[in-house]
Amino acid sequence: MGYKITDKCIGCGSCAAQCPMGAITEGTPYIIDHEKCIGCGSCAAQCPMQAIINED
């Protein structure tokens, strides 16, 4: 399953800017495309709100 962006997301976009695969798109909260996501965790490490969790 990979990573999920929770309701803690404030829409700052730092996760999307960090994603090497371009798997994160703008939304409320932002959305991770699981088909593109490689599970590297870069987005979770970048999130200032700790809004991205690993669902595995």
C-alpha atoms as a PDB file:
ATOM      1  CA  MET A   1       0.000   0.000   0.000  1.00  0.00           C
ATOM      2  CA  GLY A   2       2.785   2.494   0.827  1.00  0.00           C
ATOM      3  CA  TYR A   3       2.342   5.972   2.226  1.00  0.00           C
ATOM      4  CA  LYS A   4      -0.831   7.933   2.941  1.00  0.00           C
ATOM      5  CA  ILE A   5      -1.336  11.641   3.606  1.00  0.00           C
ATOM      6  CA  THR A   6      -3.640  12.179   6.573  1.00  0.00           C
ATOM      7  CA  ASP A   7      -5.947  15.042   7.563  1.00  0.00           C
ATOM      8  CA  LYS A   8      -3.027  16.668   9.410  1.00  0.00           C
ATOM      9  CA  CYS A   9      -1.897  17.953   5.989  1.00  0.00           C
ATOM     10  CA  ILE A  10      -1.816  21.761   5.808  1.00  0.00           C
ATOM     11  CA  GLY A  11      -1.240  21.867   2.041  1.00  0.00           C
ATOM     12  CA  CYS A  12       2.247  23.368   2.140  1.00  0.00           C
ATOM     13  CA  GLY A  13       3.462  21.239  -0.800  1.00  0.00           C
ATOM     14  CA  SER A  14       6.850  20.344   0.664  1.00  0.00           C
ATOM     15  CA  CYS A  15       6.109  16.641   0.189  1.00  0.00           C
ATOM     16  CA  ALA A  16       5.295  17.061  -3.501  1.00  0.00           C
ATOM     17  CA  ALA A  17       8.482  19.039  -4.090  1.00  0.00           C
ATOM     18  CA  GLN A  18      10.530  16.260  -2.463  1.00  0.00           C
ATOM     19  CA  CYS A  19       8.964  13.292  -4.313  1.00  0.00           C
ATOM     20  CA  PRO A  20      11.418  11.935  -6.928  1.00  0.00           C
ATOM     21  CA  MET A  21       8.618  10.198  -8.848  1.00  0.00           C
ATOM     22  CA  GLY A  22       6.119  13.059  -9.001  1.00  0.00           C
ATOM     23  CA  ALA A  23       3.591  10.832  -7.254  1.00  0.00           C
ATOM     24  CA  ILE A  24       2.022  13.555  -5.097  1.00  0.00           C
ATOM     25  CA  THR A  25      -0.629  15.927  -6.390  1.00  0.00           C
ATOM     26  CA  GLU A  26      -2.315  18.943  -4.869  1.00  0.00           C
ATOM     27  CA  GLY A  27      -5.502  18.407  -2.952  1.00  0.00           C
ATOM     28  CA  THR A  28      -6.957  18.737   0.517  1.00  0.00           C
ATOM     29  CA  PRO A  29      -5.096  16.817   1.748  1.00  0.00           C
ATOM     30  CA  TYR A  30      -2.473  16.213  -0.932  1.00  0.00           C
ATOM     31  CA  ILE A  31      -2.812  12.834  -2.670  1.00  0.00           C
ATOM     32  CA  ILE A  32      -0.226  10.107  -3.289  1.00  0.00           C
ATOM     33  CA  ASP A  33      -0.605   8.109  -6.506  1.00  0.00           C
ATOM     34  CA  HIS A  34       0.213   4.592  -5.324  1.00  0.00           C
ATOM     35  CA  GLU A  35       1.002   3.433  -8.852  1.00  0.00           C
ATOM     36  CA  LYS A  36       3.833   5.971  -9.111  1.00  0.00           C
ATOM     37  CA  CYS A  37       5.040   5.823  -5.492  1.00  0.00           C
ATOM     38  CA  ILE A  38       8.233   3.791  -4.943  1.00  0.00           C
ATOM     39  CA  GLY A  39       7.929   3.853  -1.138  1.00  0.00           C
ATOM     40  CA  CYS A  40      11.149   5.784  -0.532  1.00  0.00           C
ATOM     41  CA  GLY A  41       9.720   7.833   2.351  1.00  0.00           C
ATOM     42  CA  SER A  42      11.148  11.161   1.161  1.00  0.00           C
ATOM     43  CA  CYS A  43       7.726  12.764   1.468  1.00  0.00           C
ATOM     44  CA  ALA A  44       7.231  11.610   5.056  1.00  0.00           C
ATOM     45  CA  ALA A  45      10.668  12.861   6.078  1.00  0.00           C
ATOM     46  CA  GLN A  46       9.945  16.305   4.561  1.00  0.00           C
ATOM     47  CA  CYS A  47       6.468  16.835   6.052  1.00  0.00           C
ATOM     48  CA  PRO A  48       6.531  19.482   8.829  1.00  0.00           C
ATOM     49  CA  MET A  49       3.202  18.260  10.217  1.00  0.00           C
ATOM     50  CA  GLN A  50       4.053  14.535  10.273  1.00  0.00           C
ATOM     51  CA  ALA A  51       0.911  14.066   8.167  1.00  0.00           C
ATOM     52  CA  ILE A  52       2.322  11.255   6.037  1.00  0.00           C
ATOM     53  CA  ILE A  53       2.167   7.749   7.430  1.00  0.00           C
ATOM     54  CA  ASN A  54       3.366   4.375   6.165  1.00  0.00           C
ATOM     55  CA  GLU A  55       0.390   2.052   5.751  1.00  0.00           C
ATOM     56  CA  ASP A  56       2.471  -1.134   5.426  1.00  0.00           C
END
